[in-house]
């Protein structure tokens, strides 16, 4: 059965390690409920630390010998990647139906993309 990545983008850059507001606590409860409801199709996923913890990596030169790193994300955006799920669904329509139930879909964006199975046919 095909798998789909549900990439979660939210406004701002929430720090989900700090559940310091009733709103964040309520949202975590919603994610718990979603996880229970979608347990049969979730194959993986994770919440991500804020973009302030990111390290961007670039390689310059044809030989790939010069590795450049910088703190933070590559680009500033209104919505940032805060987590993802890997969903195993019959088709894209089913994956979209589940993605629409992810709590962040109401205030942000959930991008659904098929996962390439490089092991298929091997």
N, C-alpha and C. Protein backbone atom coordinates (compact mmCIF):
# COMPACT_ATOMS: atom_id res chain seq x y z
N UNK A 1 0.86 -1.17 0.00
CA UNK A 1 0.00 0.00 0.00
C UNK A 1 0.90 1.24 0.00
N UNK A 2 0.55 2.27 -0.75
CA UNK A 2 1.41 3.46 -0.83
C UNK A 2 1.47 4.22 0.49
N UNK A 3 2.59 4.92 0.66
CA UNK A 3 2.76 5.78 1.82
C UNK A 3 2.83 7.23 1.38
N UNK A 4 2.40 8.12 2.27
CA UNK A 4 2.36 9.55 2.01
C UNK A 4 2.95 10.29 3.19
N UNK A 5 3.77 11.28 2.91
CA UNK A 5 4.28 12.16 3.96
C UNK A 5 3.29 13.30 4.12
N UNK A 6 2.86 13.53 5.33
CA UNK A 6 2.00 14.68 5.65
C UNK A 6 2.89 15.67 6.40
N UNK A 7 3.36 16.69 5.68
CA UNK A 7 4.28 17.68 6.23
C UNK A 7 3.47 18.81 6.85
N UNK A 8 3.73 19.09 8.11
CA UNK A 8 2.91 20.04 8.87
C UNK A 8 3.61 21.39 8.94
N UNK A 9 2.97 22.41 8.40
CA UNK A 9 3.49 23.78 8.44
C UNK A 9 2.54 24.61 9.29
N UNK A 10 3.13 25.37 10.21
CA UNK A 10 2.31 26.20 11.09
C UNK A 10 2.79 27.64 11.05
N UNK A 11 1.87 28.58 11.32
CA UNK A 11 2.28 29.99 11.39
C UNK A 11 3.22 30.20 12.58
N UNK A 12 4.14 31.10 12.43
CA UNK A 12 5.08 31.37 13.51
C UNK A 12 6.07 30.23 13.63
N UNK A 13 6.60 30.04 14.81
CA UNK A 13 7.57 28.98 15.05
C UNK A 13 7.35 28.44 16.46
N UNK A 14 6.26 27.69 16.66
CA UNK A 14 5.93 27.24 18.01
C UNK A 14 6.98 26.29 18.57
N UNK A 15 7.22 26.40 19.86
CA UNK A 15 8.12 25.49 20.56
C UNK A 15 7.25 24.50 21.32
N UNK A 16 7.08 23.31 20.74
CA UNK A 16 6.20 22.32 21.34
C UNK A 16 6.85 21.60 22.51
N UNK A 17 8.11 21.92 22.84
CA UNK A 17 8.71 21.36 24.05
C UNK A 17 8.24 22.13 25.27
N UNK A 18 7.66 23.31 25.07
CA UNK A 18 7.17 24.15 26.16
C UNK A 18 5.64 24.23 26.07
N UNK A 19 4.97 23.46 26.88
CA UNK A 19 3.50 23.47 26.90
C UNK A 19 3.03 24.45 27.96
N UNK A 20 3.43 25.71 27.77
CA UNK A 20 3.25 26.73 28.79
C UNK A 20 1.96 27.54 28.67
N UNK A 21 1.12 27.18 27.73
CA UNK A 21 -0.15 27.90 27.60
C UNK A 21 -1.29 26.90 27.48
N UNK A 22 -2.49 27.29 27.90
CA UNK A 22 -3.64 26.40 27.74
C UNK A 22 -3.87 26.03 26.27
N UNK A 23 -3.58 26.96 25.35
CA UNK A 23 -3.76 26.68 23.92
C UNK A 23 -2.86 25.56 23.44
N UNK A 24 -1.61 25.58 23.86
CA UNK A 24 -0.68 24.51 23.47
C UNK A 24 -1.08 23.18 24.09
N UNK A 25 -1.52 23.22 25.34
CA UNK A 25 -1.94 22.00 26.01
C UNK A 25 -3.16 21.39 25.30
N UNK A 26 -4.09 22.24 24.93
CA UNK A 26 -5.28 21.77 24.21
C UNK A 26 -4.89 21.19 22.84
N UNK A 27 -3.96 21.85 22.16
CA UNK A 27 -3.53 21.37 20.85
C UNK A 27 -2.86 20.00 20.98
N UNK A 28 -2.06 19.81 22.02
CA UNK A 28 -1.41 18.51 22.22
C UNK A 28 -2.46 17.42 22.47
N UNK A 29 -3.52 17.77 23.17
CA UNK A 29 -4.60 16.80 23.38
C UNK A 29 -5.25 16.45 22.04
N UNK A 30 -5.41 17.46 21.17
CA UNK A 30 -5.98 17.20 19.85
C UNK A 30 -5.08 16.28 19.03
N UNK A 31 -3.76 16.50 19.11
CA UNK A 31 -2.83 15.63 18.40
C UNK A 31 -2.90 14.21 18.96
N UNK A 32 -3.04 14.08 20.28
CA UNK A 32 -3.21 12.76 20.87
C UNK A 32 -4.44 12.05 20.35
N UNK A 33 -5.54 12.79 20.24
CA UNK A 33 -6.78 12.22 19.71
C UNK A 33 -6.61 11.83 18.25
N UNK A 34 -5.94 12.69 17.47
CA UNK A 34 -5.69 12.35 16.06
C UNK A 34 -4.84 11.08 15.98
N UNK A 35 -3.80 10.99 16.79
CA UNK A 35 -2.93 9.82 16.78
C UNK A 35 -3.68 8.53 17.09
N UNK A 36 -4.61 8.60 18.03
CA UNK A 36 -5.42 7.43 18.36
C UNK A 36 -6.35 7.06 17.19
N UNK A 37 -6.99 8.07 16.60
CA UNK A 37 -7.92 7.81 15.51
C UNK A 37 -7.22 7.28 14.27
N UNK A 38 -5.99 7.74 14.03
CA UNK A 38 -5.26 7.38 12.80
C UNK A 38 -4.20 6.31 13.05
N UNK A 39 -4.22 5.68 14.20
CA UNK A 39 -3.17 4.71 14.56
C UNK A 39 -3.00 3.61 13.51
N UNK A 40 -4.07 3.19 12.87
CA UNK A 40 -3.99 2.10 11.91
C UNK A 40 -3.24 2.48 10.63
N UNK A 41 -3.12 3.79 10.35
CA UNK A 41 -2.45 4.19 9.10
C UNK A 41 -1.15 4.96 9.34
N UNK A 42 -0.87 5.36 10.56
CA UNK A 42 0.37 6.09 10.85
C UNK A 42 1.53 5.10 10.87
N UNK A 43 2.56 5.37 10.08
CA UNK A 43 3.74 4.51 10.01
C UNK A 43 4.97 5.18 10.61
N UNK A 44 4.83 6.44 10.98
CA UNK A 44 5.93 7.16 11.59
C UNK A 44 5.60 8.63 11.66
N UNK A 45 6.51 9.38 12.21
CA UNK A 45 6.32 10.82 12.30
C UNK A 45 7.04 11.37 13.51
N UNK A 46 7.09 12.68 13.56
CA UNK A 46 7.76 13.35 14.68
C UNK A 46 7.41 14.82 14.66
N UNK A 47 7.46 15.41 15.85
CA UNK A 47 7.42 16.86 15.97
C UNK A 47 8.86 17.34 15.88
N UNK A 48 9.05 18.53 15.37
CA UNK A 48 10.40 19.08 15.20
C UNK A 48 10.63 20.22 16.18
N UNK A 49 11.87 20.36 16.63
CA UNK A 49 12.24 21.51 17.45
C UNK A 49 12.09 22.77 16.61
N UNK A 50 12.00 23.96 17.23
CA UNK A 50 11.85 25.21 16.48
C UNK A 50 13.00 25.44 15.50
N UNK A 51 12.74 26.29 14.51
CA UNK A 51 13.75 26.55 13.48
C UNK A 51 15.02 27.18 14.05
N UNK A 52 14.95 27.75 15.24
CA UNK A 52 16.15 28.32 15.85
C UNK A 52 17.18 27.24 16.15
N UNK A 53 16.78 25.98 16.17
CA UNK A 53 17.71 24.89 16.42
C UNK A 53 18.25 24.28 15.12
N UNK A 54 17.74 24.76 13.99
CA UNK A 54 18.13 24.18 12.70
C UNK A 54 19.54 24.56 12.31
N UNK A 55 20.17 23.69 11.56
CA UNK A 55 21.44 23.98 10.91
C UNK A 55 21.26 23.70 9.43
N UNK A 56 21.49 24.71 8.61
CA UNK A 56 21.38 24.54 7.16
C UNK A 56 22.74 24.15 6.61
N UNK A 57 22.76 23.18 5.71
CA UNK A 57 24.01 22.66 5.15
C UNK A 57 24.02 22.88 3.65
N UNK A 58 25.14 23.38 3.15
CA UNK A 58 25.36 23.55 1.71
C UNK A 58 26.74 23.00 1.38
N UNK A 59 26.88 22.46 0.21
CA UNK A 59 28.18 21.99 -0.26
C UNK A 59 28.54 22.79 -1.49
N UNK A 60 29.72 23.39 -1.46
CA UNK A 60 30.18 24.17 -2.60
C UNK A 60 31.31 23.45 -3.30
N UNK A 61 31.43 23.74 -4.57
CA UNK A 61 32.49 23.13 -5.35
C UNK A 61 32.06 21.79 -5.90
N UNK A 62 32.58 21.44 -7.04
CA UNK A 62 32.21 20.19 -7.71
C UNK A 62 32.63 18.96 -6.95
N UNK A 63 33.67 19.05 -6.16
CA UNK A 63 34.16 17.87 -5.43
C UNK A 63 33.38 17.62 -4.15
N UNK A 64 32.62 18.61 -3.70
CA UNK A 64 31.86 18.46 -2.48
C UNK A 64 32.70 18.52 -1.23
N UNK A 65 33.90 19.09 -1.36
CA UNK A 65 34.80 19.15 -0.22
C UNK A 65 34.54 20.31 0.72
N UNK A 66 33.86 21.34 0.24
CA UNK A 66 33.65 22.52 1.07
C UNK A 66 32.22 22.52 1.60
N UNK A 67 32.08 22.14 2.86
CA UNK A 67 30.77 22.09 3.50
C UNK A 67 30.59 23.36 4.31
N UNK A 68 29.51 24.07 4.02
CA UNK A 68 29.18 25.30 4.72
C UNK A 68 27.93 25.08 5.54
N UNK A 69 27.96 25.50 6.79
CA UNK A 69 26.78 25.40 7.64
C UNK A 69 26.41 26.78 8.17
N UNK A 70 25.14 26.96 8.43
CA UNK A 70 24.68 28.20 9.06
C UNK A 70 23.57 27.85 10.03
N UNK A 71 23.47 28.64 11.08
CA UNK A 71 22.42 28.41 12.07
C UNK A 71 21.09 28.87 11.52
N UNK A 72 20.06 28.15 11.89
CA UNK A 72 18.71 28.54 11.50
C UNK A 72 18.32 27.97 10.15
N UNK A 73 17.08 28.24 9.77
CA UNK A 73 16.57 27.73 8.49
C UNK A 73 17.17 28.50 7.33
N UNK A 74 17.05 27.91 6.15
CA UNK A 74 17.58 28.53 4.95
C UNK A 74 16.85 29.82 4.61
N UNK A 75 15.54 29.84 4.78
CA UNK A 75 14.75 31.02 4.40
C UNK A 75 13.71 31.32 5.47
N UNK A 76 13.42 32.59 5.63
CA UNK A 76 12.34 33.01 6.53
C UNK A 76 11.02 32.88 5.78
N UNK A 77 10.04 32.29 6.43
CA UNK A 77 8.72 32.14 5.83
C UNK A 77 7.66 32.42 6.89
N UNK A 78 6.43 32.59 6.45
CA UNK A 78 5.33 32.83 7.38
C UNK A 78 4.93 31.54 8.09
N UNK A 79 5.07 30.41 7.40
CA UNK A 79 4.78 29.12 8.00
C UNK A 79 6.06 28.30 8.01
N UNK A 80 6.26 27.56 9.08
CA UNK A 80 7.47 26.75 9.20
C UNK A 80 7.10 25.28 9.39
N UNK A 81 7.98 24.40 8.93
CA UNK A 81 7.80 22.97 9.09
C UNK A 81 7.97 22.62 10.56
N UNK A 82 6.92 22.09 11.18
CA UNK A 82 6.96 21.79 12.61
C UNK A 82 6.87 20.30 12.91
N UNK A 83 6.58 19.49 11.91
CA UNK A 83 6.49 18.06 12.14
C UNK A 83 5.98 17.35 10.90
N UNK A 84 5.84 16.05 11.03
CA UNK A 84 5.36 15.25 9.90
C UNK A 84 4.80 13.93 10.39
N UNK A 85 3.99 13.33 9.55
CA UNK A 85 3.52 11.96 9.73
C UNK A 85 3.83 11.21 8.44
N UNK A 86 4.04 9.92 8.54
CA UNK A 86 4.07 9.04 7.38
C UNK A 86 2.80 8.21 7.48
N UNK A 87 1.95 8.35 6.49
CA UNK A 87 0.65 7.68 6.47
C UNK A 87 0.63 6.61 5.39
N UNK A 88 0.10 5.45 5.71
CA UNK A 88 -0.07 4.40 4.71
C UNK A 88 -1.55 4.35 4.36
N UNK A 89 -1.87 4.74 3.15
CA UNK A 89 -3.26 4.86 2.71
C UNK A 89 -3.44 4.18 1.36
N UNK A 90 -4.67 3.86 1.04
CA UNK A 90 -4.97 3.21 -0.23
C UNK A 90 -4.64 4.09 -1.42
N UNK A 91 -4.85 5.42 -1.26
CA UNK A 91 -4.59 6.33 -2.37
C UNK A 91 -4.48 7.76 -1.82
N UNK A 92 -4.21 8.69 -2.72
CA UNK A 92 -4.05 10.09 -2.34
C UNK A 92 -5.31 10.64 -1.70
N UNK A 93 -6.46 10.27 -2.20
CA UNK A 93 -7.71 10.78 -1.64
C UNK A 93 -7.84 10.42 -0.16
N UNK A 94 -7.50 9.18 0.19
CA UNK A 94 -7.57 8.78 1.59
C UNK A 94 -6.55 9.55 2.42
N UNK A 95 -5.33 9.73 1.87
CA UNK A 95 -4.29 10.47 2.59
C UNK A 95 -4.73 11.91 2.84
N UNK A 96 -5.38 12.53 1.87
CA UNK A 96 -5.87 13.90 2.03
C UNK A 96 -6.96 13.96 3.09
N UNK A 97 -7.84 12.98 3.11
CA UNK A 97 -8.89 12.95 4.13
C UNK A 97 -8.28 12.90 5.53
N UNK A 98 -7.26 12.07 5.71
CA UNK A 98 -6.60 12.00 7.02
C UNK A 98 -5.83 13.28 7.32
N UNK A 99 -5.14 13.83 6.33
CA UNK A 99 -4.36 15.06 6.54
C UNK A 99 -5.26 16.21 6.98
N UNK A 100 -6.48 16.24 6.48
CA UNK A 100 -7.42 17.29 6.86
C UNK A 100 -7.81 17.20 8.32
N UNK A 101 -7.58 16.04 8.96
CA UNK A 101 -7.90 15.86 10.37
C UNK A 101 -6.74 16.21 11.29
N UNK A 102 -5.57 16.48 10.73
CA UNK A 102 -4.42 16.88 11.54
C UNK A 102 -4.72 18.27 12.10
N UNK A 103 -4.60 18.48 13.40
CA UNK A 103 -5.00 19.76 13.99
C UNK A 103 -4.40 21.00 13.32
N UNK A 104 -3.17 20.95 12.88
CA UNK A 104 -2.54 22.13 12.28
C UNK A 104 -3.18 22.53 10.95
N UNK A 105 -3.93 21.65 10.33
CA UNK A 105 -4.55 21.98 9.05
C UNK A 105 -5.54 23.14 9.18
N UNK A 106 -6.05 23.38 10.38
CA UNK A 106 -7.02 24.47 10.57
C UNK A 106 -6.36 25.85 10.55
N UNK A 107 -5.14 25.96 11.08
CA UNK A 107 -4.49 27.27 11.15
C UNK A 107 -3.28 27.38 10.24
N UNK A 108 -2.79 26.24 9.77
CA UNK A 108 -1.60 26.23 8.92
C UNK A 108 -1.87 25.45 7.65
N UNK A 109 -0.89 24.66 7.25
CA UNK A 109 -0.99 23.89 6.01
C UNK A 109 -0.42 22.51 6.25
N UNK A 110 -1.05 21.49 5.70
CA UNK A 110 -0.49 20.15 5.70
C UNK A 110 -0.28 19.77 4.24
N UNK A 111 0.98 19.60 3.89
CA UNK A 111 1.35 19.22 2.52
C UNK A 111 1.44 17.70 2.46
N UNK A 112 0.73 17.09 1.52
CA UNK A 112 0.73 15.63 1.36
C UNK A 112 1.51 15.29 0.10
N UNK A 113 2.52 14.43 0.29
CA UNK A 113 3.35 14.01 -0.85
C UNK A 113 3.57 12.52 -0.81
N UNK A 114 3.49 11.86 -1.97
CA UNK A 114 3.75 10.42 -2.00
C UNK A 114 5.21 10.14 -1.65
N UNK A 115 5.43 9.04 -0.96
CA UNK A 115 6.77 8.60 -0.61
C UNK A 115 7.24 7.62 -1.66
N UNK A 116 8.45 7.79 -2.16
CA UNK A 116 9.01 6.88 -3.17
C UNK A 116 9.50 5.62 -2.46
N UNK A 117 9.09 4.49 -2.95
CA UNK A 117 9.55 3.22 -2.42
C UNK A 117 10.64 2.68 -3.35
N UNK A 118 11.89 2.94 -2.97
CA UNK A 118 13.00 2.49 -3.80
C UNK A 118 13.21 0.99 -3.75
N UNK A 119 12.55 0.31 -2.80
CA UNK A 119 12.68 -1.13 -2.69
C UNK A 119 11.65 -1.89 -3.50
N UNK A 120 10.70 -1.18 -4.08
CA UNK A 120 9.64 -1.86 -4.85
C UNK A 120 10.24 -2.55 -6.06
N UNK A 121 9.84 -3.77 -6.27
CA UNK A 121 10.29 -4.52 -7.44
C UNK A 121 11.68 -5.11 -7.29
N UNK A 122 12.29 -4.96 -6.12
CA UNK A 122 13.63 -5.50 -5.92
C UNK A 122 13.55 -6.94 -5.49
